[in-house]
N, C-alpha and C. Protein backbone atom coordinates (compact mmCIF):
# COMPACT_ATOMS: atom_id res chain seq x y z
N MET A 1 30.97 -81.66 230.15
CA MET A 1 32.32 -83.26 229.22
C MET A 1 34.16 -82.22 229.93
N SER A 2 34.25 -82.91 230.43
CA SER A 2 35.44 -82.28 230.97
C SER A 2 36.76 -83.22 230.69
N GLY A 3 38.05 -81.71 231.14
CA GLY A 3 38.29 -82.33 230.20
C GLY A 3 39.75 -83.18 229.64
N LEU A 4 39.24 -84.06 231.63
CA LEU A 4 40.23 -85.11 231.09
C LEU A 4 38.96 -86.43 230.58
N GLU A 5 37.88 -86.24 230.08
CA GLU A 5 37.30 -87.22 229.06
C GLU A 5 37.74 -87.17 227.93
N ILE A 6 37.84 -85.73 227.45
CA ILE A 6 37.93 -85.79 226.00
C ILE A 6 40.36 -85.95 225.38
N ALA A 7 39.85 -85.70 226.57
CA ALA A 7 41.98 -86.40 227.34
C ALA A 7 41.90 -87.94 226.61
N GLY A 8 40.37 -88.72 227.74
CA GLY A 8 40.06 -90.00 226.65
C GLY A 8 40.02 -90.40 225.64
N VAL A 9 38.42 -89.51 224.72
CA VAL A 9 38.11 -89.24 223.82
C VAL A 9 39.12 -89.34 222.44
N LEU A 10 39.88 -88.33 222.97
CA LEU A 10 41.93 -88.42 222.12
C LEU A 10 42.02 -89.53 221.79
N LEU A 11 42.32 -90.29 223.03
CA LEU A 11 43.11 -91.55 222.68
C LEU A 11 41.97 -92.31 222.05
N SER A 12 41.13 -92.63 222.48
CA SER A 12 40.56 -93.92 221.81
C SER A 12 40.25 -93.19 219.64
N ALA A 13 40.66 -91.53 219.14
CA ALA A 13 39.97 -92.00 217.69
C ALA A 13 41.43 -92.13 217.57
N PHE A 14 42.81 -92.17 217.96
CA PHE A 14 44.03 -92.30 217.24
C PHE A 14 43.66 -93.37 216.28
N PRO A 15 42.60 -95.13 216.91
CA PRO A 15 42.57 -96.18 217.03
C PRO A 15 41.87 -96.13 215.64
N LEU A 16 41.10 -95.22 215.47
CA LEU A 16 39.97 -95.50 214.41
C LEU A 16 40.72 -94.24 212.95
N LEU A 17 41.49 -94.13 213.69
CA LEU A 17 42.72 -93.04 211.95
C LEU A 17 43.79 -93.47 211.88
N ILE A 18 43.77 -95.04 212.41
CA ILE A 18 44.51 -95.96 212.29
C ILE A 18 43.50 -96.96 210.86
N THR A 19 42.83 -97.06 211.44
CA THR A 19 41.66 -98.33 210.78
C THR A 19 40.73 -97.55 209.56
N SER A 20 40.69 -96.17 209.77
CA SER A 20 40.08 -95.36 208.69
C SER A 20 41.26 -95.29 207.21
N LEU A 21 42.40 -95.78 207.86
CA LEU A 21 43.28 -95.20 206.34
C LEU A 21 43.91 -97.23 205.50
N LYS A 22 43.19 -98.03 206.60
CA LYS A 22 42.85 -98.94 206.26
C LYS A 22 42.79 -99.70 205.57
N HIS A 23 41.03 -99.00 205.91
CA HIS A 23 40.87 -99.60 205.13
C HIS A 23 40.16 -98.38 203.61
N TRP A 24 41.19 -97.47 203.74
CA TRP A 24 41.40 -95.84 202.31
C TRP A 24 41.87 -97.34 201.46
N ARG A 25 43.30 -97.72 202.45
CA ARG A 25 43.97 -98.21 202.05
C ARG A 25 43.27 -99.44 200.50
N ASP A 26 43.09 -100.31 201.40
CA ASP A 26 41.99 -101.29 201.11
C ASP A 26 40.87 -100.92 199.22
N VAL A 27 40.82 -99.48 199.11
CA VAL A 27 39.76 -99.10 198.81
C VAL A 27 40.75 -99.05 197.25
N ALA A 28 42.06 -98.45 197.77
CA ALA A 28 42.73 -97.77 196.90
C ALA A 28 42.90 -98.76 195.30
N LYS A 29 44.03 -100.20 196.83
CA LYS A 29 43.41 -101.13 195.32
C LYS A 29 42.94 -101.56 194.99
N VAL A 30 41.31 -101.67 195.91
CA VAL A 30 40.54 -102.40 195.32
C VAL A 30 40.38 -101.33 193.60
N GLY A 31 40.33 -100.12 193.57
CA GLY A 31 40.33 -99.21 192.19
C GLY A 31 41.65 -98.95 191.62
N SER A 32 42.77 -99.80 191.95
CA SER A 32 43.99 -99.35 191.04
C SER A 32 44.49 -98.51 191.56
N PHE A 33 44.26 -97.32 192.56
CA PHE A 33 44.95 -96.45 192.12
C PHE A 33 45.85 -96.55 193.51
N TRP A 34 46.02 -97.64 194.69
CA TRP A 34 47.32 -97.77 195.00
C TRP A 34 48.53 -97.17 195.12
N TRP A 35 49.38 -97.82 193.37
CA TRP A 35 50.34 -96.92 192.92
C TRP A 35 50.75 -95.19 193.37
N ARG A 36 49.15 -95.28 193.66
CA ARG A 36 49.28 -93.28 193.02
C ARG A 36 50.08 -92.58 194.96
N VAL A 37 48.52 -93.62 195.41
CA VAL A 37 48.37 -93.15 196.85
C VAL A 37 49.52 -93.62 198.61
N ARG A 38 50.11 -94.82 197.45
CA ARG A 38 51.37 -95.01 198.58
C ARG A 38 51.84 -94.73 199.54
N LYS A 39 52.02 -94.03 198.83
CA LYS A 39 53.62 -93.11 199.77
C LYS A 39 53.24 -91.86 200.26
N ASP A 40 51.65 -91.51 200.44
CA ASP A 40 51.40 -90.25 201.48
C ASP A 40 50.35 -91.36 201.92
N HIS A 41 50.15 -92.09 201.80
CA HIS A 41 49.62 -93.02 203.10
C HIS A 41 49.78 -93.10 203.24
N THR A 42 51.42 -94.30 203.51
CA THR A 42 52.58 -94.24 204.84
C THR A 42 52.54 -93.05 205.24
N ALA A 43 53.38 -91.90 204.73
CA ALA A 43 52.90 -90.94 205.42
C ALA A 43 52.02 -90.13 206.71
N CYS A 44 52.03 -90.92 206.08
CA CYS A 44 50.31 -90.03 206.74
C CYS A 44 50.04 -91.61 208.24
N LEU A 45 50.21 -92.48 207.47
CA LEU A 45 50.40 -93.91 209.09
C LEU A 45 51.86 -93.21 209.43
N ARG A 46 52.67 -93.44 209.59
CA ARG A 46 53.14 -93.11 210.43
C ARG A 46 53.33 -91.27 211.16
N TRP A 47 52.47 -90.59 210.11
CA TRP A 47 53.23 -89.41 211.39
C TRP A 47 51.44 -89.37 212.37
N ILE A 48 49.88 -89.80 211.90
CA ILE A 48 49.52 -90.49 213.08
C ILE A 48 49.95 -91.41 214.32
N ARG A 49 50.54 -92.49 213.92
CA ARG A 49 51.06 -93.68 215.30
C ARG A 49 52.36 -92.61 215.62
N PHE A 50 52.96 -90.99 215.04
CA PHE A 50 53.95 -90.83 216.08
C PHE A 50 53.06 -89.76 217.04
N HIS A 51 52.03 -89.10 217.15
CA HIS A 51 51.54 -88.02 217.16
C HIS A 51 49.90 -88.98 218.32
N GLU A 52 50.62 -90.32 218.19
CA GLU A 52 49.52 -91.22 219.16
C GLU A 52 50.63 -90.93 220.20
N ILE A 53 52.24 -91.69 219.94
CA ILE A 53 52.83 -92.07 220.47
C ILE A 53 53.32 -90.22 221.85
N LEU A 54 53.46 -89.47 220.94
CA LEU A 54 53.49 -88.24 222.01
C LEU A 54 52.46 -87.88 222.66
N TYR A 55 51.43 -87.78 222.56
CA TYR A 55 50.13 -87.85 222.99
C TYR A 55 50.55 -88.56 224.63
N LYS A 56 50.56 -89.82 224.37
CA LYS A 56 50.73 -90.40 225.60
C LYS A 56 51.57 -90.56 226.44
N ARG A 57 53.00 -90.43 225.90
CA ARG A 57 53.30 -90.02 226.68
C ARG A 57 53.81 -88.89 227.44
N ASN A 58 53.39 -87.36 225.78
CA ASN A 58 52.41 -86.83 227.16
C ASN A 58 51.53 -86.59 228.56
N LEU A 59 50.39 -87.20 228.11
CA LEU A 59 49.45 -87.45 229.36
C LEU A 59 50.31 -88.29 230.54
N LYS A 60 51.44 -89.41 230.51
CA LYS A 60 51.65 -90.12 231.46
C LYS A 60 52.49 -89.29 232.08
N GLU A 61 53.45 -88.11 231.70
CA GLU A 61 54.29 -87.57 232.01
C GLU A 61 53.32 -86.30 232.81
N LEU A 62 51.89 -86.07 233.03
CA LEU A 62 50.63 -85.02 232.96
C LEU A 62 50.68 -86.07 234.81
N LEU A 63 50.73 -87.28 234.26
CA LEU A 63 49.35 -88.02 235.46
C LEU A 63 50.40 -88.72 236.46
N ILE A 64 51.63 -89.13 235.64
CA ILE A 64 52.41 -89.79 236.85
C ILE A 64 52.86 -88.26 238.52
N PRO A 65 52.98 -87.63 238.17
CA PRO A 65 52.79 -86.96 239.60
C PRO A 65 51.56 -86.64 240.20
N VAL A 66 50.95 -86.82 240.05
CA VAL A 66 49.79 -87.55 240.68
C VAL A 66 48.69 -87.83 240.80
N LEU A 67 48.83 -89.03 240.44
CA LEU A 67 49.62 -90.20 240.89
C LEU A 67 50.12 -90.96 241.40
N THR A 68 49.40 -92.11 242.18
CA THR A 68 50.53 -92.85 243.68
C THR A 68 50.55 -93.46 243.17
N ASP A 69 50.38 -94.45 241.97
CA ASP A 69 50.42 -95.95 241.12
C ASP A 69 50.97 -95.69 239.71
N ALA A 70 52.20 -96.48 239.26
CA ALA A 70 51.89 -95.98 238.23
C ALA A 70 51.08 -96.62 237.14
N SER A 71 50.00 -97.98 238.36
CA SER A 71 49.17 -99.31 236.94
C SER A 71 47.77 -98.48 237.15
N GLU A 72 48.05 -97.25 237.93
CA GLU A 72 46.50 -95.89 237.73
C GLU A 72 46.98 -95.38 236.56
N VAL A 73 48.28 -94.96 235.86
CA VAL A 73 48.02 -94.01 235.14
C VAL A 73 47.97 -95.22 233.87
N LYS A 74 48.40 -96.54 234.21
CA LYS A 74 48.53 -96.78 232.67
C LYS A 74 46.67 -98.08 232.41
N SER A 75 46.27 -97.96 233.68
CA SER A 75 44.10 -98.28 233.36
C SER A 75 43.99 -97.42 232.64
N LEU A 76 44.48 -95.65 233.36
CA LEU A 76 44.07 -94.53 232.68
C LEU A 76 43.88 -94.83 230.73
N ILE A 77 45.27 -94.65 230.69
CA ILE A 77 45.64 -94.78 229.29
C ILE A 77 44.85 -96.01 228.39
N ILE A 78 44.21 -96.94 229.10
CA ILE A 78 43.76 -98.17 228.19
C ILE A 78 42.30 -97.99 228.10
N ASP A 79 42.26 -98.19 229.28
CA ASP A 79 40.27 -97.77 229.73
C ASP A 79 39.86 -96.48 228.40
N LEU A 80 39.75 -96.17 227.78
CA LEU A 80 39.44 -93.86 227.23
C LEU A 80 38.67 -93.84 227.45
N GLY A 81 37.07 -95.11 227.67
CA GLY A 81 35.93 -93.40 227.96
C GLY A 81 35.70 -94.27 229.52
N GLY A 82 36.60 -94.59 230.74
CA GLY A 82 35.97 -95.74 231.91
C GLY A 82 35.54 -93.96 232.43
N ARG A 83 35.83 -94.74 233.44
CA ARG A 83 34.79 -93.48 234.77
C ARG A 83 35.62 -93.32 235.52
N ASP A 84 37.04 -93.26 235.42
CA ASP A 84 37.83 -92.41 235.79
C ASP A 84 38.42 -91.38 235.60
N TRP A 85 38.43 -90.79 233.94
CA TRP A 85 39.01 -90.05 233.30
C TRP A 85 37.77 -88.65 234.37
N SER A 86 36.53 -88.67 234.95
CA SER A 86 36.03 -88.05 235.53
C SER A 86 35.68 -87.54 237.28
N SER A 87 36.46 -88.50 236.95
CA SER A 87 37.13 -88.73 238.60
C SER A 87 36.84 -87.68 238.77
N LYS A 88 36.79 -86.74 240.41
CA LYS A 88 37.26 -85.60 241.21
C LYS A 88 38.14 -85.56 241.72
N ALA A 89 38.68 -86.80 242.22
CA ALA A 89 40.02 -86.89 242.58
C ALA A 89 41.24 -86.66 242.00
N LEU A 90 40.78 -86.98 240.79
CA LEU A 90 42.13 -86.62 239.93
C LEU A 90 41.61 -85.04 239.20
N GLN A 91 41.06 -84.85 238.68
CA GLN A 91 40.98 -83.26 237.94
C GLN A 91 41.47 -82.63 239.73
N GLU A 92 40.69 -82.68 240.95
CA GLU A 92 41.91 -81.17 242.20
C GLU A 92 42.80 -81.49 242.14
N ARG A 93 43.47 -82.88 242.22
CA ARG A 93 45.05 -83.08 242.28
C ARG A 93 45.33 -82.85 240.50
N LEU A 94 44.86 -82.32 239.84
CA LEU A 94 45.50 -82.07 238.22
C LEU A 94 45.24 -80.30 238.34
N GLU A 95 43.87 -79.72 239.05
CA GLU A 95 44.34 -78.64 239.91
C GLU A 95 44.92 -77.97 239.92
N GLU A 96 46.22 -78.76 241.66
CA GLU A 96 47.09 -78.56 242.49
C GLU A 96 48.10 -78.32 241.85
N ARG A 97 48.49 -79.38 240.47
CA ARG A 97 49.69 -79.82 239.95
C ARG A 97 50.18 -78.47 239.02
N LEU A 98 48.27 -77.81 238.12
CA LEU A 98 49.01 -77.00 236.62
C LEU A 98 48.36 -76.30 237.29
N HIS A 99 48.07 -74.74 239.00
CA HIS A 99 47.80 -74.81 239.09
C HIS A 99 46.92 -73.38 238.26
N GLU A 100 47.57 -72.26 237.38
CA GLU A 100 46.64 -71.18 237.36
C GLU A 100 46.46 -71.39 235.16
N SER A 101 47.15 -72.37 234.82
CA SER A 101 46.96 -72.95 233.58
C SER A 101 45.92 -74.64 233.94
N TYR A 102 45.47 -74.88 235.06
CA TYR A 102 45.29 -75.93 234.98
C TYR A 102 43.26 -75.33 233.81
N SER A 103 42.63 -74.27 234.13
CA SER A 103 41.91 -73.45 233.45
C SER A 103 42.14 -73.92 232.24
N LEU A 104 43.20 -73.54 231.23
CA LEU A 104 43.19 -73.50 229.57
C LEU A 104 43.34 -74.40 230.08
N ASP A 105 43.99 -75.33 230.08
CA ASP A 105 44.64 -76.75 229.40
C ASP A 105 42.63 -77.15 229.31
N MET A 106 42.32 -77.88 231.08
CA MET A 106 40.66 -77.88 230.24
C MET A 106 39.90 -77.60 229.34
């Protein structure tokens, strides 16, 4: 699995975390202990959303100079597990942009 495929996997993890937190909230409400965990739950949800936005912005900043069209960047971020993530041409462009840090980043 290439580093770019891992980026897609990480992007798909954020919605899963948010969904699991919502289910956890429902369990806490049924178990009558929601009032004790509400503050921590809200903080955790905010933290996950913040890091999702931060990750997507960093990924866009990395991909925009490499890809010629902004719609390509958008489609990569929308299609998390798509074939475009494993594109050899994209990996070569990133290697050219990142130089010596390419192997470390991947």
